Protein backbone atom coordinates (compact mmCIF):
# COMPACT_ATOMS: atom_id res chain seq x y z
CA MET A 1 0.00 0.00 0.00
CA MET A 2 1.32 3.45 -0.90
CA PRO A 3 2.23 5.69 2.05
CA ILE A 4 -0.30 8.39 2.91
CA SER A 5 0.79 11.85 1.83
CA PRO A 6 1.28 14.27 4.73
CA ASP A 7 -0.96 16.71 2.83
CA LYS A 8 -3.79 14.21 2.45
CA ILE A 9 -6.90 15.13 4.44
CA LEU A 10 -8.03 11.95 6.15
CA PRO A 11 -11.73 11.12 6.40
CA LYS A 12 -13.48 11.47 9.73
CA VAL A 13 -14.72 8.14 11.03
CA TRP A 14 -17.90 7.83 13.09
CA ALA A 15 -18.81 4.53 14.75
CA ILE A 16 -22.41 3.89 15.81
CA GLY A 17 -22.81 1.16 18.44
CA GLY A 18 -24.63 0.45 21.64
CA GLY A 19 -24.43 -3.17 22.70
CA LYS A 20 -28.01 -4.26 22.13
CA GLY A 21 -29.65 -5.16 18.83
CA GLY A 22 -32.93 -3.61 17.78
CA VAL A 23 -32.22 -0.10 19.09
CA GLY A 24 -32.11 1.45 15.61
CA LYS A 25 -28.35 1.69 15.02
CA SER A 26 -28.62 0.89 11.32
CA VAL A 27 -31.45 3.36 10.73
CA ILE A 28 -29.55 6.06 12.62
CA THR A 29 -26.32 5.29 10.73
CA SER A 30 -27.89 5.39 7.28
CA SER A 31 -29.85 8.53 8.13
CA LEU A 32 -26.76 10.37 9.41
CA GLY A 33 -24.96 9.39 6.21
CA ILE A 34 -27.74 10.76 4.04
CA ALA A 35 -27.90 13.97 6.07
CA LEU A 36 -24.14 14.45 5.60
CA ALA A 37 -24.36 13.68 1.87
CA ARG A 38 -27.08 16.29 1.48
CA LYS A 39 -24.68 18.80 3.02
CA GLY A 40 -22.33 18.07 0.13
CA LYS A 41 -20.05 15.79 2.15
CA ARG A 42 -18.65 12.70 0.45
CA CYS A 43 -19.79 9.92 2.73
CA VAL A 44 -19.31 6.14 2.97
CA LEU A 45 -21.49 3.78 5.00
CA LEU A 46 -19.67 0.62 6.11
CA ASP A 47 -21.73 -2.21 7.52
CA ALA A 48 -19.49 -3.74 10.19
CA ASP A 49 -22.28 -6.00 11.48
CA LEU A 50 -21.04 -9.13 9.72
CA GLY A 51 -23.54 -11.31 11.54
CA GLY A 52 -26.64 -9.29 10.68
CA ALA A 53 -25.85 -6.76 7.97
CA ASN A 54 -28.87 -4.78 6.76
CA LEU A 55 -27.66 -1.35 5.67
CA HIS A 56 -28.03 -2.39 2.02
CA THR A 57 -31.73 -3.11 2.57
CA LEU A 58 -32.31 0.23 4.30
CA MET A 59 -30.57 1.96 1.39
CA GLY A 60 -32.63 0.13 -1.22
CA VAL A 61 -29.73 -1.99 -2.53
CA PRO A 62 -31.22 -5.52 -2.47
CA TYR A 63 -28.27 -7.45 -3.91
CA PRO A 64 -24.89 -5.74 -3.45
CA LYS A 65 -22.50 -6.87 -6.17
CA ARG A 66 -19.46 -6.29 -3.97
CA THR A 67 -19.22 -6.55 -0.19
CA LEU A 68 -16.79 -6.42 2.70
CA THR A 69 -16.56 -10.21 2.39
CA ASP A 70 -15.00 -9.82 -1.07
CA PHE A 71 -12.32 -7.63 0.48
CA LEU A 72 -11.64 -10.08 3.33
CA LEU A 73 -11.44 -13.00 0.88
CA ARG A 74 -9.11 -10.94 -1.35
CA LYS A 75 -11.49 -11.00 -4.29
CA VAL A 76 -10.93 -7.24 -4.40
CA SER A 77 -7.63 -5.67 -3.43
CA SER A 78 -8.86 -2.68 -1.41
CA LEU A 79 -11.86 -1.26 0.41
CA ASN A 80 -12.21 1.26 -2.41
CA ASP A 81 -12.95 -1.66 -4.73
CA ALA A 82 -15.78 -2.80 -2.44
CA LEU A 83 -17.62 0.53 -2.66
CA MET A 84 -21.13 0.43 -4.08
CA PRO A 85 -23.06 3.52 -5.25
CA THR A 86 -26.43 4.33 -3.70
CA SER A 87 -29.35 6.35 -5.02
CA MET A 88 -28.07 9.32 -3.00
CA PRO A 89 -25.45 11.63 -4.52
CA ASN A 90 -22.21 11.74 -2.47
CA LEU A 91 -23.12 8.54 -0.62
CA SER A 92 -21.52 5.10 -1.13
CA LEU A 93 -21.94 1.80 0.68
CA ILE A 94 -19.64 -1.04 1.72
CA SER A 95 -22.08 -3.80 2.52
CA GLY A 96 -21.49 -6.49 5.12
CA SER A 97 -23.94 -8.91 3.53
CA ARG A 98 -23.05 -12.44 2.44
CA ALA A 99 -20.57 -12.76 5.31
CA MET A 100 -19.55 -16.30 6.16
CA LEU A 101 -20.12 -17.54 9.71
CA GLU A 102 -16.48 -17.34 10.75
CA MET A 103 -16.33 -13.67 9.75
CA GLY A 104 -18.48 -12.76 12.72
CA ASN A 105 -15.23 -12.96 14.71
CA LEU A 106 -12.48 -11.42 12.62
CA HIS A 107 -8.81 -12.16 13.13
CA ASN A 108 -6.83 -9.23 14.47
CA ALA A 109 -4.94 -8.93 11.18
CA GLN A 110 -8.24 -8.64 9.28
CA LYS A 111 -9.52 -5.92 11.60
CA THR A 112 -6.24 -4.04 11.35
CA LYS A 113 -6.37 -4.23 7.57
CA ILE A 114 -9.92 -2.84 7.47
CA ILE A 115 -9.15 -0.05 9.94
CA ARG A 116 -5.97 0.93 8.12
CA GLN A 117 -7.70 1.12 4.76
CA LEU A 118 -10.63 3.12 6.15
CA PHE A 119 -8.37 6.14 6.16
CA ASP A 120 -7.44 5.58 2.50
CA LEU A 121 -11.04 5.89 1.32
CA ASP A 122 -11.74 8.96 -0.78
CA ALA A 123 -14.39 10.44 1.48
CA ASP A 124 -15.04 13.21 3.98
CA TYR A 125 -16.92 10.98 6.43
CA ILE A 126 -17.09 7.23 7.01
CA LEU A 127 -19.87 5.83 9.19
CA LEU A 128 -19.48 2.38 10.74
CA ASP A 129 -22.63 0.47 11.67
CA LEU A 130 -21.48 -1.86 14.46
CA GLY A 131 -22.94 -5.21 15.39
CA ALA A 132 -24.77 -5.92 18.63
CA GLY A 133 -22.91 -7.07 21.73
CA SER A 134 -19.48 -6.31 23.17
CA THR A 135 -17.43 -8.42 20.78
CA PHE A 136 -13.82 -7.46 20.07
CA ASN A 137 -14.93 -6.63 16.52
CA SER A 138 -17.40 -3.99 17.69
CA LEU A 139 -15.13 -2.67 20.45
CA ASP A 140 -12.10 -2.24 18.19
CA PHE A 141 -14.06 -0.52 15.41
CA PHE A 142 -15.67 1.71 18.05
CA LEU A 143 -12.29 2.69 19.51
CA ALA A 144 -10.75 3.31 16.07
CA ALA A 145 -13.30 6.03 15.26
CA HIS A 146 -12.99 9.76 15.77
CA GLU A 147 -16.60 10.00 16.96
CA ARG A 148 -17.97 7.13 19.04
CA VAL A 149 -21.75 7.28 19.12
CA MET A 150 -23.89 5.06 21.34
CA VAL A 151 -27.56 4.50 20.57
CA VAL A 152 -29.93 3.36 23.31
CA VAL A 153 -33.68 3.07 23.65
CA PRO A 154 -35.47 3.75 26.94
CA THR A 155 -35.75 0.14 28.11
CA PRO A 156 -33.89 -1.50 31.03
CA THR A 157 -32.24 -4.10 28.76
CA SER A 158 -30.94 -1.51 26.32
CA ILE A 159 -29.56 0.71 29.09
CA GLU A 160 -27.92 -2.25 30.82
CA ASN A 161 -26.33 -3.49 27.60
CA ALA A 162 -25.13 0.03 26.79
CA TYR A 163 -23.29 0.22 30.11
CA HIS A 164 -21.79 -3.24 29.53
CA PHE A 165 -20.61 -2.13 26.09
CA LEU A 166 -19.20 1.15 27.38
CA LYS A 167 -17.43 -0.57 30.27
CA ALA A 168 -15.87 -3.13 27.94
CA ALA A 169 -14.76 -0.38 25.53
CA TYR A 170 -13.35 1.71 28.38
CA TYR A 171 -11.25 -1.12 29.81
CA ARG A 172 -10.08 -2.18 26.35
CA GLN A 173 -8.86 1.36 25.69
CA LEU A 174 -7.39 1.50 29.19
CA LYS A 175 -5.24 -1.56 28.41
CA HIS A 176 -4.05 0.19 25.24
CA ALA A 177 -3.32 3.32 27.30
CA ILE A 178 -1.28 1.31 29.83
CA ARG A 179 0.84 -0.11 27.02
CA SER A 180 1.19 3.28 25.31
CA ALA A 181 2.34 4.81 28.58
CA GLY A 182 5.00 2.10 28.90
CA ALA A 183 3.55 1.08 32.25
CA GLY A 184 4.35 -2.59 31.71
CA LYS A 185 2.64 -5.91 32.35
CA ASP A 186 2.64 -5.45 36.12
CA LEU A 187 0.10 -2.66 35.75
CA GLU A 188 -2.02 -4.79 33.42
CA SER A 189 -2.08 -7.47 36.12
CA TYR A 190 -3.06 -4.78 38.60
CA LEU A 191 -5.98 -3.93 36.30
CA GLU A 192 -7.08 -7.57 36.27
CA GLU A 193 -7.05 -7.63 40.09
CA LYS A 194 -9.27 -4.56 40.50
CA VAL A 195 -12.22 -6.53 41.96
CA SER A 196 -10.11 -8.18 44.67
CA LEU A 197 -8.80 -4.70 45.53
CA GLY A 198 -12.35 -3.49 46.15
CA ILE A 199 -12.41 -1.32 43.01
CA ARG A 200 -15.94 -1.21 41.61
CA SER A 201 -15.71 1.37 38.83
CA PRO A 202 -13.24 2.81 36.32
CA ALA A 203 -13.31 6.13 38.18
CA GLN A 204 -12.25 4.36 41.40
CA PHE A 205 -9.51 2.51 39.51
CA MET A 206 -8.00 5.78 38.24
CA GLU A 207 -8.17 7.33 41.73
CA HIS A 208 -6.51 4.24 43.22
CA LEU A 209 -3.87 4.31 40.49
CA SER A 210 -3.15 8.01 41.11
CA GLU A 211 -2.45 7.25 44.75
CA ARG A 212 -0.32 4.16 44.11
CA ILE A 213 1.55 5.09 40.90
CA PRO A 214 1.02 8.82 40.23
CA LYS A 215 3.46 9.14 37.32
CA ALA A 216 1.92 6.25 35.38
CA ALA A 217 -1.58 7.48 36.22
CA MET A 218 -0.82 10.90 34.74
CA ALA A 219 0.38 9.39 31.45
CA ILE A 220 -2.61 7.04 31.26
CA ARG A 221 -5.10 9.83 31.99
CA LYS A 222 -3.63 11.79 29.09
CA VAL A 223 -4.25 8.88 26.70
CA MET A 224 -7.73 8.23 28.13
CA GLN A 225 -8.83 11.81 27.46
CA ASP A 226 -9.61 10.61 23.95
CA PHE A 227 -12.32 8.31 25.32
CA SER A 228 -15.32 10.63 25.00
CA PRO A 229 -18.36 8.80 23.57
CA ARG A 230 -21.55 10.52 22.42
CA LEU A 231 -25.11 9.43 23.16
CA ILE A 232 -28.37 9.29 21.21
CA VAL A 233 -31.58 8.15 22.92
CA ASN A 234 -33.84 6.67 20.24
CA GLN A 235 -37.58 5.85 20.18
CA VAL A 236 -38.51 8.26 22.96
CA GLN A 237 -42.23 8.47 23.75
CA ASN A 238 -42.72 10.69 26.81
CA MET A 239 -41.11 13.35 29.03
CA GLU A 240 -39.74 10.80 31.49
CA GLU A 241 -37.86 9.04 28.68
CA ILE A 242 -36.56 12.36 27.36
CA SER A 243 -34.66 12.83 30.66
CA LEU A 244 -32.83 9.50 30.21
CA GLY A 245 -29.99 11.08 28.25
CA ASP A 246 -29.10 13.55 30.99
CA GLN A 247 -29.34 10.79 33.59
CA MET A 248 -26.90 8.60 31.63
CA VAL A 249 -24.46 11.49 31.25
CA VAL A 250 -24.40 11.95 35.04
CA ALA A 251 -24.09 8.19 35.63
CA CYS A 252 -21.12 7.95 33.23
CA ARG A 253 -19.44 10.89 34.95
CA ASP A 254 -19.79 9.18 38.32
CA PHE A 255 -18.95 5.62 37.23
CA PHE A 256 -16.36 6.16 34.49
CA GLY A 257 -15.07 9.61 35.38
CA ILE A 258 -15.68 10.70 31.78
CA GLU A 259 -17.83 13.32 30.10
CA MET A 260 -20.22 11.75 27.61
CA GLY A 261 -21.64 14.16 25.06
CA TYR A 262 -25.43 13.99 24.76
CA LEU A 263 -26.42 14.51 21.13
CA GLY A 264 -30.16 14.46 21.80
CA ASN A 265 -33.19 12.23 21.55
CA VAL A 266 -35.21 10.90 18.64
CA LYS A 267 -38.91 10.55 19.29
CA SER A 268 -40.73 7.40 18.27
CA ASP A 269 -42.03 7.95 14.73
CA GLU A 270 -44.20 5.56 12.73
CA CYS A 271 -42.63 6.93 9.54
CA VAL A 272 -39.47 4.95 10.34
CA LEU A 273 -41.25 1.60 10.19
CA ARG A 274 -43.16 2.63 7.08
CA ALA A 275 -39.92 3.59 5.32
CA ILE A 276 -38.28 0.29 6.29
CA GLN A 277 -41.24 -1.60 4.89
CA MET A 278 -40.92 0.44 1.69
CA ARG A 279 -37.16 -0.33 1.59
CA ARG A 280 -36.45 3.37 1.31
CA PRO A 281 -34.43 5.70 3.55
CA VAL A 282 -36.60 7.71 5.95
CA LEU A 283 -35.02 10.99 4.84
CA GLU A 284 -36.09 10.26 1.27
CA ALA A 285 -39.54 8.79 1.95
CA PHE A 286 -40.69 11.19 4.71
CA PRO A 287 -38.51 14.32 4.62
CA GLY A 288 -40.92 16.32 6.81
CA SER A 289 -41.17 13.74 9.61
CA PRO A 290 -40.12 14.40 13.24
CA PHE A 291 -37.47 11.67 12.86
CA VAL A 292 -35.80 13.55 10.00
CA SER A 293 -35.88 16.80 11.96
CA ALA A 294 -34.12 15.10 14.90
CA ILE A 295 -31.49 13.49 12.64
CA ASN A 296 -30.70 16.83 10.99
CA GLY A 297 -30.22 18.39 14.42
CA ILE A 298 -27.91 15.60 15.58
CA THR A 299 -25.90 15.86 12.36
CA ARG A 300 -25.41 19.58 12.90
CA ARG A 301 -24.17 18.96 16.43
CA LEU A 302 -21.74 16.28 15.28
CA VAL A 303 -20.18 18.38 12.50
CA GLY A 304 -20.27 21.56 14.57
CA ASP A 305 -22.57 23.59 12.32
C-alpha cells in the first residue's frame, strides 16, 4: 500500500454502536450518512455488522454486487474496490452482507487491515454500523473512530447493555493506554485484580492508580482523554424518557469519570417503520417527519454547524 501523503486530508470516522440489537443503530447510521451527503459531504457507510448486515436493505440496494466479504477474501484488493453507489449523490456503501459464519469474529490482522484502509477511502466521512454485543470486533471498530456514538432506547435491557458495552470499551482502551504509557505488564495485572482490591468502577480505579503510581496514572489519563463517547436516545415516547440522556451522562461521569456528550433524543415515529417496509431511507420517503428533523439536528451537532 502506498504511504499516505502528509498533505492528504483523512476522512473522519464515526462509529455507531450500543451493545443491544434492535435499538435502531442501522437506521440512525444510514440517516446520518444521508444527512451528511445532502450537506455536500462525500460519505461512505460501512456495515461492520457481519452477523446481521442490513444497511443495504435500508438503502434500497437488495443485492450488493461487492461486499466487505469480497475484500476479506481478497477478491478485491482494497476497500475502495468494495464501494457500491447508492441512489443518493455523495453517498456510497460497503455492505457487510453475504458474510460467512467465521467472519463474525475477525482475526486481528483482518480488523487491522480494514481499519488501516478506512483512512485511505476517498471520502469526507465514514460511518461504521457496528454489530450488537461487546465483541472485540465492535469494540475495536468503536475505539478506532474519531466519533464514538452510542444508541440506546429507553428500556432497562438496552440501558444495561449500553453500560456493559461502554465498560468493555473503556477497559479495552485502558489496556491500550497502559501499554502506550509504557507502564508494563505489572500494571495490566493490577488492572485484572481490580475486583479483589475493592475497586468497583473505572473512576475508582484511576483514583486508586493516582495514589499508588502517580506518574503512570498521569500518562494514562492523558491517553484516556480521547475516550469521549456521544449518546443518542432513540424511540422516545414521553417526558420521562426524554430525561434519560441527561441521567446517563451523570451516571457515566460518576462511574467512568468521563464526560459523555449527549447529542439528543429521537422521538418514536411511525414513519421509520413505514420507510423500512418500503425499503427506502426515511429521509427520502418522509422528509418532513419528526425523525428527520431530529437526525438533521444531531448531524449539525456532530459536524459543529
